[in-house]
């Protein structure tokens, strides 16, 4: 009795479409400041999920929201083309 098994994983494991292209990686790198700013905003919002936000929480959320807007504006205007080493 012979068993029939699939070899699909071996065939598609090294396919070109499995890895991001250089253009996709460049797009991700260009949007990294926005991603980091949105992560900071999300973190500030998560902190206040189980309690009423105090004044410090409110300021932190407001600053994070303003940072997201500023980074998005810079990216839309094209002035965020130069990424400074990936540091936030």
PDB file of N, CA and C in Angstrom:
ATOM      1  N   UNK A   1       0.842  -1.164   0.000  1.00  0.00           N
ATOM      2  CA  UNK A   1       0.000   0.000   0.000  1.00  0.00           C
ATOM      3  C   UNK A   1       0.898   1.241   0.000  1.00  0.00           C
ATOM      4  N   UNK A   2       0.660   2.134  -0.933  1.00  0.00           N
ATOM      5  CA  UNK A   2       1.461   3.359  -0.990  1.00  0.00           C
ATOM      6  C   UNK A   2       0.597   4.538  -0.529  1.00  0.00           C
ATOM      7  N   UNK A   3       1.220   5.400   0.237  1.00  0.00           N
ATOM      8  CA  UNK A   3       0.516   6.569   0.752  1.00  0.00           C
ATOM      9  C   UNK A   3       0.677   7.734  -0.205  1.00  0.00           C
ATOM     10  N   UNK A   4      -0.377   8.468  -0.389  1.00  0.00           N
ATOM     11  CA  UNK A   4      -0.335   9.644  -1.239  1.00  0.00           C
ATOM     12  C   UNK A   4      -0.196  10.858  -0.321  1.00  0.00           C
ATOM     13  N   UNK A   5       0.864  11.615  -0.523  1.00  0.00           N
ATOM     14  CA  UNK A   5       1.097  12.813   0.289  1.00  0.00           C
ATOM     15  C   UNK A   5       1.293  13.997  -0.638  1.00  0.00           C
ATOM     16  N   UNK A   6       1.044  15.150  -0.104  1.00  0.00           N
ATOM     17  CA  UNK A   6       1.222  16.360  -0.899  1.00  0.00           C
ATOM     18  C   UNK A   6       2.650  16.864  -0.785  1.00  0.00           C
ATOM     19  N   UNK A   7       3.144  17.384  -1.858  1.00  0.00           N
ATOM     20  CA  UNK A   7       4.477  17.986  -1.855  1.00  0.00           C
ATOM     21  C   UNK A   7       4.373  19.480  -2.140  1.00  0.00           C
ATOM     22  N   UNK A   8       3.201  20.039  -1.899  1.00  0.00           N
ATOM     23  CA  UNK A   8       2.964  21.443  -2.198  1.00  0.00           C
ATOM     24  C   UNK A   8       3.898  22.354  -1.407  1.00  0.00           C
ATOM     25  N   UNK A   9       4.137  22.058  -0.136  1.00  0.00           N
ATOM     26  CA  UNK A   9       5.015  22.911   0.662  1.00  0.00           C
ATOM     27  C   UNK A   9       6.404  22.979   0.063  1.00  0.00           C
ATOM     28  N   UNK A  10       6.914  21.878  -0.410  1.00  0.00           N
ATOM     29  CA  UNK A  10       8.249  21.864  -0.997  1.00  0.00           C
ATOM     30  C   UNK A  10       8.282  22.636  -2.296  1.00  0.00           C
ATOM     31  N   UNK A  11       7.186  22.638  -3.022  1.00  0.00           N
ATOM     32  CA  UNK A  11       7.153  23.338  -4.307  1.00  0.00           C
ATOM     33  C   UNK A  11       7.031  24.841  -4.097  1.00  0.00           C
ATOM     34  N   UNK A  12       6.181  25.279  -3.181  1.00  0.00           N
ATOM     35  CA  UNK A  12       5.934  26.709  -3.014  1.00  0.00           C
ATOM     36  C   UNK A  12       6.795  27.357  -1.944  1.00  0.00           C
ATOM     37  N   UNK A  13       7.586  26.595  -1.230  1.00  0.00           N
ATOM     38  CA  UNK A  13       8.380  27.174  -0.148  1.00  0.00           C
ATOM     39  C   UNK A  13       9.408  28.160  -0.669  1.00  0.00           C
ATOM     40  N   UNK A  14       9.889  27.979  -1.859  1.00  0.00           N
ATOM     41  CA  UNK A  14      10.926  28.846  -2.393  1.00  0.00           C
ATOM     42  C   UNK A  14      10.433  29.679  -3.567  1.00  0.00           C
ATOM     43  N   UNK A  15       9.138  29.858  -3.662  1.00  0.00           N
ATOM     44  CA  UNK A  15       8.578  30.642  -4.761  1.00  0.00           C
ATOM     45  C   UNK A  15       8.904  32.118  -4.566  1.00  0.00           C
ATOM     46  N   UNK A  16       9.040  32.845  -5.667  1.00  0.00           N
ATOM     47  CA  UNK A  16       9.402  34.257  -5.609  1.00  0.00           C
ATOM     48  C   UNK A  16       8.341  35.105  -4.915  1.00  0.00           C
ATOM     49  N   UNK A  17       7.079  34.723  -5.053  1.00  0.00           N
ATOM     50  CA  UNK A  17       6.021  35.539  -4.483  1.00  0.00           C
ATOM     51  C   UNK A  17       5.913  35.415  -2.968  1.00  0.00           C
ATOM     52  N   UNK A  18       6.661  34.540  -2.354  1.00  0.00           N
ATOM     53  CA  UNK A  18       6.595  34.355  -0.904  1.00  0.00           C
ATOM     54  C   UNK A  18       7.345  35.463  -0.156  1.00  0.00           C
ATOM     55  N   UNK A  19       8.333  36.071  -0.771  1.00  0.00           N
ATOM     56  CA  UNK A  19       9.142  37.109  -0.138  1.00  0.00           C
ATOM     57  C   UNK A  19       8.715  38.475  -0.656  1.00  0.00           C
ATOM     58  N   UNK A  20       8.789  39.502   0.181  1.00  0.00           N
ATOM     59  CA  UNK A  20       8.457  40.844  -0.309  1.00  0.00           C
ATOM     60  C   UNK A  20       9.515  41.331  -1.288  1.00  0.00           C
ATOM     61  N   UNK A  21       9.074  42.099  -2.254  1.00  0.00           N
ATOM     62  CA  UNK A  21      10.002  42.643  -3.242  1.00  0.00           C
ATOM     63  C   UNK A  21      10.745  43.825  -2.627  1.00  0.00           C
ATOM     64  N   UNK A  22      11.766  44.285  -3.324  1.00  0.00           N
ATOM     65  CA  UNK A  22      12.520  45.444  -2.846  1.00  0.00           C
ATOM     66  C   UNK A  22      11.626  46.675  -2.767  1.00  0.00           C
ATOM     67  N   UNK A  23      10.722  46.825  -3.724  1.00  0.00           N
ATOM     68  CA  UNK A  23       9.807  47.968  -3.712  1.00  0.00           C
ATOM     69  C   UNK A  23       8.881  47.912  -2.498  1.00  0.00           C
ATOM     70  N   UNK A  24       8.398  46.724  -2.159  1.00  0.00           N
ATOM     71  CA  UNK A  24       7.535  46.580  -0.989  1.00  0.00           C
ATOM     72  C   UNK A  24       8.298  46.868   0.301  1.00  0.00           C
ATOM     73  N   UNK A  25       9.542  46.415   0.378  1.00  0.00           N
ATOM     74  CA  UNK A  25      10.358  46.697   1.555  1.00  0.00           C
ATOM     75  C   UNK A  25      10.652  48.189   1.684  1.00  0.00           C
ATOM     76  N   UNK A  26      10.895  48.857   0.554  1.00  0.00           N
ATOM     77  CA  UNK A  26      11.119  50.301   0.579  1.00  0.00           C
ATOM     78  C   UNK A  26       9.873  51.045   1.027  1.00  0.00           C
ATOM     79  N   UNK A  27       8.700  50.579   0.583  1.00  0.00           N
ATOM     80  CA  UNK A  27       7.449  51.211   0.994  1.00  0.00           C
ATOM     81  C   UNK A  27       7.220  51.034   2.491  1.00  0.00           C
ATOM     82  N   UNK A  28       7.524  49.864   3.008  1.00  0.00           N
ATOM     83  CA  UNK A  28       7.382  49.619   4.452  1.00  0.00           C
ATOM     84  C   UNK A  28       8.337  50.510   5.229  1.00  0.00           C
ATOM     85  N   UNK A  29       9.567  50.636   4.747  1.00  0.00           N
ATOM     86  CA  UNK A  29      10.550  51.469   5.428  1.00  0.00           C
ATOM     87  C   UNK A  29      10.138  52.943   5.397  1.00  0.00           C
ATOM     88  N   UNK A  30       9.550  53.374   4.285  1.00  0.00           N
ATOM     89  CA  UNK A  30       9.096  54.764   4.189  1.00  0.00           C
ATOM     90  C   UNK A  30       7.937  55.029   5.148  1.00  0.00           C
ATOM     91  N   UNK A  31       7.106  54.033   5.392  1.00  0.00           N
ATOM     92  CA  UNK A  31       5.950  54.191   6.280  1.00  0.00           C
ATOM     93  C   UNK A  31       6.269  53.845   7.733  1.00  0.00           C
ATOM     94  N   UNK A  32       7.497  53.457   8.024  1.00  0.00           N
ATOM     95  CA  UNK A  32       7.853  53.054   9.379  1.00  0.00           C
ATOM     96  C   UNK A  32       7.617  54.149  10.420  1.00  0.00           C
ATOM     97  N   UNK A  33       7.889  55.433  10.149  1.00  0.00           N
ATOM     98  CA  UNK A  33       7.571  56.450  11.162  1.00  0.00           C
ATOM     99  C   UNK A  33       6.076  56.501  11.499  1.00  0.00           C
ATOM    100  N   UNK A  34       5.229  56.296  10.510  1.00  0.00           N
ATOM    101  CA  UNK A  34       3.781  56.276  10.749  1.00  0.00           C
ATOM    102  C   UNK A  34       3.414  55.057  11.589  1.00  0.00           C
ATOM    103  N   UNK A  35       4.000  53.921  11.270  1.00  0.00           N
ATOM    104  CA  UNK A  35       3.717  52.690  12.009  1.00  0.00           C
ATOM    105  C   UNK A  35       4.124  52.844  13.473  1.00  0.00           C
ATOM    106  N   UNK A  36       5.295  53.408  13.703  1.00  0.00           N
ATOM    107  CA  UNK A  36       5.764  53.591  15.079  1.00  0.00           C
ATOM    108  C   UNK A  36       4.898  54.600  15.837  1.00  0.00           C
ATOM    109  N   UNK A  37       4.494  55.677  15.165  1.00  0.00           N
ATOM    110  CA  UNK A  37       3.642  56.671  15.820  1.00  0.00           C
ATOM    111  C   UNK A  37       2.275  56.079  16.159  1.00  0.00           C
ATOM    112  N   UNK A  38       1.727  55.279  15.256  1.00  0.00           N
ATOM    113  CA  UNK A  38       0.438  54.651  15.529  1.00  0.00           C
ATOM    114  C   UNK A  38       0.556  53.615  16.642  1.00  0.00           C
ATOM    115  N   UNK A  39       1.694  52.951  16.729  1.00  0.00           N
ATOM    116  CA  UNK A  39       1.904  51.996  17.822  1.00  0.00           C
ATOM    117  C   UNK A  39       1.963  52.727  19.161  1.00  0.00           C
ATOM    118  N   UNK A  40       2.596  53.902  19.195  1.00  0.00           N
ATOM    119  CA  UNK A  40       2.627  54.694  20.424  1.00  0.00           C
ATOM    120  C   UNK A  40       1.229  55.156  20.823  1.00  0.00           C
ATOM    121  N   UNK A  41       0.434  55.558  19.835  1.00  0.00           N
ATOM    122  CA  UNK A  41      -0.938  55.968  20.119  1.00  0.00           C
ATOM    123  C   UNK A  41      -1.749  54.798  20.658  1.00  0.00           C
ATOM    124  N   UNK A  42      -1.599  53.648  20.041  1.00  0.00           N
ATOM    125  CA  UNK A  42      -2.315  52.466  20.498  1.00  0.00           C
ATOM    126  C   UNK A  42      -1.915  52.099  21.918  1.00  0.00           C
ATOM    127  N   UNK A  43      -0.639  52.186  22.220  1.00  0.00           N
ATOM    128  CA  UNK A  43      -0.168  51.891  23.570  1.00  0.00           C
ATOM    129  C   UNK A  43      -0.761  52.859  24.587  1.00  0.00           C
ATOM    130  N   UNK A  44      -0.829  54.142  24.220  1.00  0.00           N
ATOM    131  CA  UNK A  44      -1.410  55.129  25.124  1.00  0.00           C
ATOM    132  C   UNK A  44      -2.897  54.863  25.344  1.00  0.00           C
ATOM    133  N   UNK A  45      -3.580  54.406  24.318  1.00  0.00           N
ATOM    134  CA  UNK A  45      -4.997  54.104  24.458  1.00  0.00           C
ATOM    135  C   UNK A  45      -5.231  52.824  25.252  1.00  0.00           C
ATOM    136  N   UNK A  46      -4.367  51.850  25.090  1.00  0.00           N
ATOM    137  CA  UNK A  46      -4.507  50.587  25.821  1.00  0.00           C
ATOM    138  C   UNK A  46      -4.365  50.805  27.323  1.00  0.00           C
ATOM    139  N   UNK A  47      -3.477  51.703  27.704  1.00  0.00           N
ATOM    140  CA  UNK A  47      -3.256  51.975  29.127  1.00  0.00           C
ATOM    141  C   UNK A  47      -4.543  52.432  29.803  1.00  0.00           C
ATOM    142  N   UNK A  48      -5.394  53.133  29.059  1.00  0.00           N
ATOM    143  CA  UNK A  48      -6.601  53.696  29.665  1.00  0.00           C
ATOM    144  C   UNK A  48      -7.831  52.810  29.509  1.00  0.00           C
ATOM    145  N   UNK A  49      -7.680  51.593  29.038  1.00  0.00           N
ATOM    146  CA  UNK A  49      -8.837  50.733  28.829  1.00  0.00           C
ATOM    147  C   UNK A  49      -9.543  50.338  30.115  1.00  0.00           C
ATOM    148  N   UNK A  50      -8.790  50.094  31.151  1.00  0.00           N
ATOM    149  CA  UNK A  50      -9.403  49.574  32.373  1.00  0.00           C
ATOM    150  C   UNK A  50      -9.578  50.623  33.469  1.00  0.00           C
ATOM    151  N   UNK A  51      -9.394  51.889  33.099  1.00  0.00           N
ATOM    152  CA  UNK A  51      -9.585  52.941  34.092  1.00  0.00           C
ATOM    153  C   UNK A  51      -9.992  54.236  33.385  1.00  0.00           C
ATOM    154  N   UNK A  52     -10.440  55.171  34.174  1.00  0.00           N
ATOM    155  CA  UNK A  52     -10.772  56.487  33.631  1.00  0.00           C
ATOM    156  C   UNK A  52      -9.458  57.243  33.415  1.00  0.00           C
ATOM    157  N   UNK A  53      -9.252  57.783  32.219  1.00  0.00           N
ATOM    158  CA  UNK A  53      -7.983  58.482  31.956  1.00  0.00           C
ATOM    159  C   UNK A  53      -7.822  59.718  32.848  1.00  0.00           C
ATOM    160  N   UNK A  54      -6.655  59.834  33.441  1.00  0.00           N
ATOM    161  CA  UNK A  54      -6.370  61.031  34.226  1.00  0.00           C
ATOM    162  C   UNK A  54      -5.757  62.088  33.300  1.00  0.00           C
ATOM    163  N   UNK A  55      -5.332  63.188  33.869  1.00  0.00           N
ATOM    164  CA  UNK A  55      -4.817  64.290  33.048  1.00  0.00           C
ATOM    165  C   UNK A  55      -3.553  63.885  32.286  1.00  0.00           C
ATOM    166  N   UNK A  56      -2.703  63.124  32.925  1.00  0.00           N
ATOM    167  CA  UNK A  56      -1.475  62.674  32.266  1.00  0.00           C
ATOM    168  C   UNK A  56      -1.785  61.731  31.096  1.00  0.00           C
ATOM    169  N   UNK A  57      -2.720  60.828  31.284  1.00  0.00           N
ATOM    170  CA  UNK A  57      -3.128  59.924  30.206  1.00  0.00           C
ATOM    171  C   UNK A  57      -3.711  60.705  29.028  1.00  0.00           C
ATOM    172  N   UNK A  58      -4.531  61.696  29.354  1.00  0.00           N
ATOM    173  CA  UNK A  58      -5.152  62.505  28.303  1.00  0.00           C
ATOM    174  C   UNK A  58      -4.097  63.245  27.497  1.00  0.00           C
ATOM    175  N   UNK A  59      -3.109  63.810  28.189  1.00  0.00           N
ATOM    176  CA  UNK A  59      -2.030  64.506  27.476  1.00  0.00           C
ATOM    177  C   UNK A  59      -1.213  63.548  26.630  1.00  0.00           C
ATOM    178  N   UNK A  60      -0.954  62.356  27.161  1.00  0.00           N
ATOM    179  CA  UNK A  60      -0.169  61.362  26.412  1.00  0.00           C
ATOM    180  C   UNK A  60      -0.902  60.942  25.135  1.00  0.00           C
ATOM    181  N   UNK A  61      -2.203  60.712  25.244  1.00  0.00           N
ATOM    182  CA  UNK A  61      -2.992  60.335  24.070  1.00  0.00           C
ATOM    183  C   UNK A  61      -3.025  61.489  23.067  1.00  0.00           C
ATOM    184  N   UNK A  62      -3.221  62.707  23.558  1.00  0.00           N
ATOM    185  CA  UNK A  62      -3.264  63.868  22.662  1.00  0.00           C
ATOM    186  C   UNK A  62      -1.931  64.056  21.939  1.00  0.00           C
ATOM    187  N   UNK A  63      -0.814  63.925  22.667  1.00  0.00           N
ATOM    188  CA  UNK A  63       0.496  64.052  22.024  1.00  0.00           C
ATOM    189  C   UNK A  63       0.738  62.955  21.000  1.00  0.00           C
ATOM    190  N   UNK A  64       0.340  61.744  21.333  1.00  0.00           N
ATOM    191  CA  UNK A  64       0.514  60.629  20.404  1.00  0.00           C
ATOM    192  C   UNK A  64      -0.340  60.828  19.158  1.00  0.00           C
ATOM    193  N   UNK A  65      -1.563  61.300  19.331  1.00  0.00           N
ATOM    194  CA  UNK A  65      -2.448  61.563  18.181  1.00  0.00           C
ATOM    195  C   UNK A  65      -1.867  62.670  17.305  1.00  0.00           C
ATOM    196  N   UNK A  66      -1.348  63.720  17.933  1.00  0.00           N
ATOM    197  CA  UNK A  66      -0.731  64.810  17.170  1.00  0.00           C
ATOM    198  C   UNK A  66       0.515  64.340  16.429  1.00  0.00           C
ATOM    199  N   UNK A  67       1.269  63.439  17.060  1.00  0.00           N
ATOM    200  CA  UNK A  67       2.457  62.905  16.397  1.00  0.00           C
ATOM    201  C   UNK A  67       2.069  62.078  15.170  1.00  0.00           C
ATOM    202  N   UNK A  68       1.010  61.273  15.293  1.00  0.00           N
ATOM    203  CA  UNK A  68       0.530  60.485  14.154  1.00  0.00           C
ATOM    204  C   UNK A  68       0.138  61.414  13.017  1.00  0.00           C
ATOM    205  N   UNK A  69      -0.594  62.461  13.323  1.00  0.00           N
ATOM    206  CA  UNK A  69      -1.019  63.403  12.288  1.00  0.00           C
ATOM    207  C   UNK A  69       0.173  64.102  11.647  1.00  0.00           C
ATOM    208  N   UNK A  70       1.149  64.490  12.449  1.00  0.00           N
ATOM    209  CA  UNK A  70       2.323  65.176  11.914  1.00  0.00           C
ATOM    210  C   UNK A  70       3.145  64.256  11.011  1.00  0.00           C
ATOM    211  N   UNK A  71       3.310  63.022  11.431  1.00  0.00           N
ATOM    212  CA  UNK A  71       4.092  62.081  10.622  1.00  0.00           C
ATOM    213  C   UNK A  71       3.362  61.754   9.328  1.00  0.00           C
ATOM    214  N   UNK A  72       2.042  61.587   9.407  1.00  0.00           N
ATOM    215  CA  UNK A  72       1.268  61.341   8.186  1.00  0.00           C
ATOM    216  C   UNK A  72       1.356  62.534   7.235  1.00  0.00           C
ATOM    217  N   UNK A  73       1.282  63.750   7.802  1.00  0.00           N
ATOM    218  CA  UNK A  73       1.411  64.954   6.983  1.00  0.00           C
ATOM    219  C   UNK A  73       2.772  65.006   6.290  1.00  0.00           C
ATOM    220  N   UNK A  74       3.828  64.718   7.060  1.00  0.00           N
ATOM    221  CA  UNK A  74       5.170  64.728   6.485  1.00  0.00           C
ATOM    222  C   UNK A  74       5.323  63.681   5.389  1.00  0.00           C
ATOM    223  N   UNK A  75       4.757  62.519   5.614  1.00  0.00           N
ATOM    224  CA  UNK A  75       4.833  61.463   4.607  1.00  0.00           C
ATOM    225  C   UNK A  75       4.060  61.858   3.352  1.00  0.00           C
ATOM    226  N   UNK A  76       2.899  62.459   3.528  1.00  0.00           N
ATOM    227  CA  UNK A  76       2.091  62.876   2.376  1.00  0.00           C
ATOM    228  C   UNK A  76       2.772  64.003   1.605  1.00  0.00           C
ATOM    229  N   UNK A  77       3.467  64.874   2.303  1.00  0.00           N
ATOM    230  CA  UNK A  77       4.156  65.976   1.649  1.00  0.00           C
ATOM    231  C   UNK A  77       5.488  65.556   1.048  1.00  0.00           C
ATOM    232  N   UNK A  78       5.930  64.348   1.355  1.00  0.00           N
ATOM    233  CA  UNK A  78       7.166  63.844   0.787  1.00  0.00           C
ATOM    234  C   UNK A  78       8.412  64.232   1.539  1.00  0.00           C
ATOM    235  N   UNK A  79       8.261  64.870   2.692  1.00  0.00           N
ATOM    236  CA  UNK A  79       9.440  65.278   3.440  1.00  0.00           C
ATOM    237  C   UNK A  79       9.959  64.183   4.357  1.00  0.00           C
ATOM    238  N   UNK A  80       9.287  63.032   4.372  1.00  0.00           N
ATOM    239  CA  UNK A  80       9.724  61.921   5.220  1.00  0.00           C
ATOM    240  C   UNK A  80      10.460  60.878   4.405  1.00  0.00           C
ATOM    241  N   UNK A  81      11.048  61.285   3.274  1.00  0.00           N
ATOM    242  CA  UNK A  81      11.764  60.336   2.436  1.00  0.00           C
ATOM    243  C   UNK A  81      13.039  59.848   3.105  1.00  0.00           C
ATOM    244  N   UNK A  82      13.648  60.680   3.928  1.00  0.00           N
ATOM    245  CA  UNK A  82      14.866  60.281   4.594  1.00  0.00           C
ATOM    246  C   UNK A  82      14.517  59.731   5.966  1.00  0.00           C
ATOM    247  N   UNK A  83      14.809  58.462   6.181  1.00  0.00           N
ATOM    248  CA  UNK A  83      14.528  57.810   7.459  1.00  0.00           C
ATOM    249  C   UNK A  83      15.829  57.805   8.256  1.00  0.00           C
ATOM    250  N   UNK A  84      15.767  58.261   9.506  1.00  0.00           N
ATOM    251  CA  UNK A  84      16.979  58.397  10.301  1.00  0.00           C
ATOM    252  C   UNK A  84      17.289  57.114  11.054  1.00  0.00           C
ATOM    253  N   UNK A  85      17.815  56.133  10.380  1.00  0.00           N
ATOM    254  CA  UNK A  85      18.283  54.911  11.013  1.00  0.00           C
ATOM    255  C   UNK A  85      17.217  54.056  11.651  1.00  0.00           C
ATOM    256  N   UNK A  86      15.963  54.316  11.419  1.00  0.00           N
ATOM    257  CA  UNK A  86      14.894  53.516  11.985  1.00  0.00           C
ATOM    258  C   UNK A  86      14.583  53.831  13.434  1.00  0.00           C
ATOM    259  N   UNK A  87      15.226  54.853  13.984  1.00  0.00           N
ATOM    260  CA  UNK A  87      14.970  55.215  15.371  1.00  0.00           C
ATOM    261  C   UNK A  87      13.730  56.076  15.452  1.00  0.00           C
ATOM    262  N   UNK A  88      12.980  55.874  16.503  1.00  0.00           N
ATOM    263  CA  UNK A  88      11.747  56.646  16.673  1.00  0.00           C
ATOM    264  C   UNK A  88      12.015  57.888  17.476  1.00  0.00           C
TER     265      UNK A  88
END
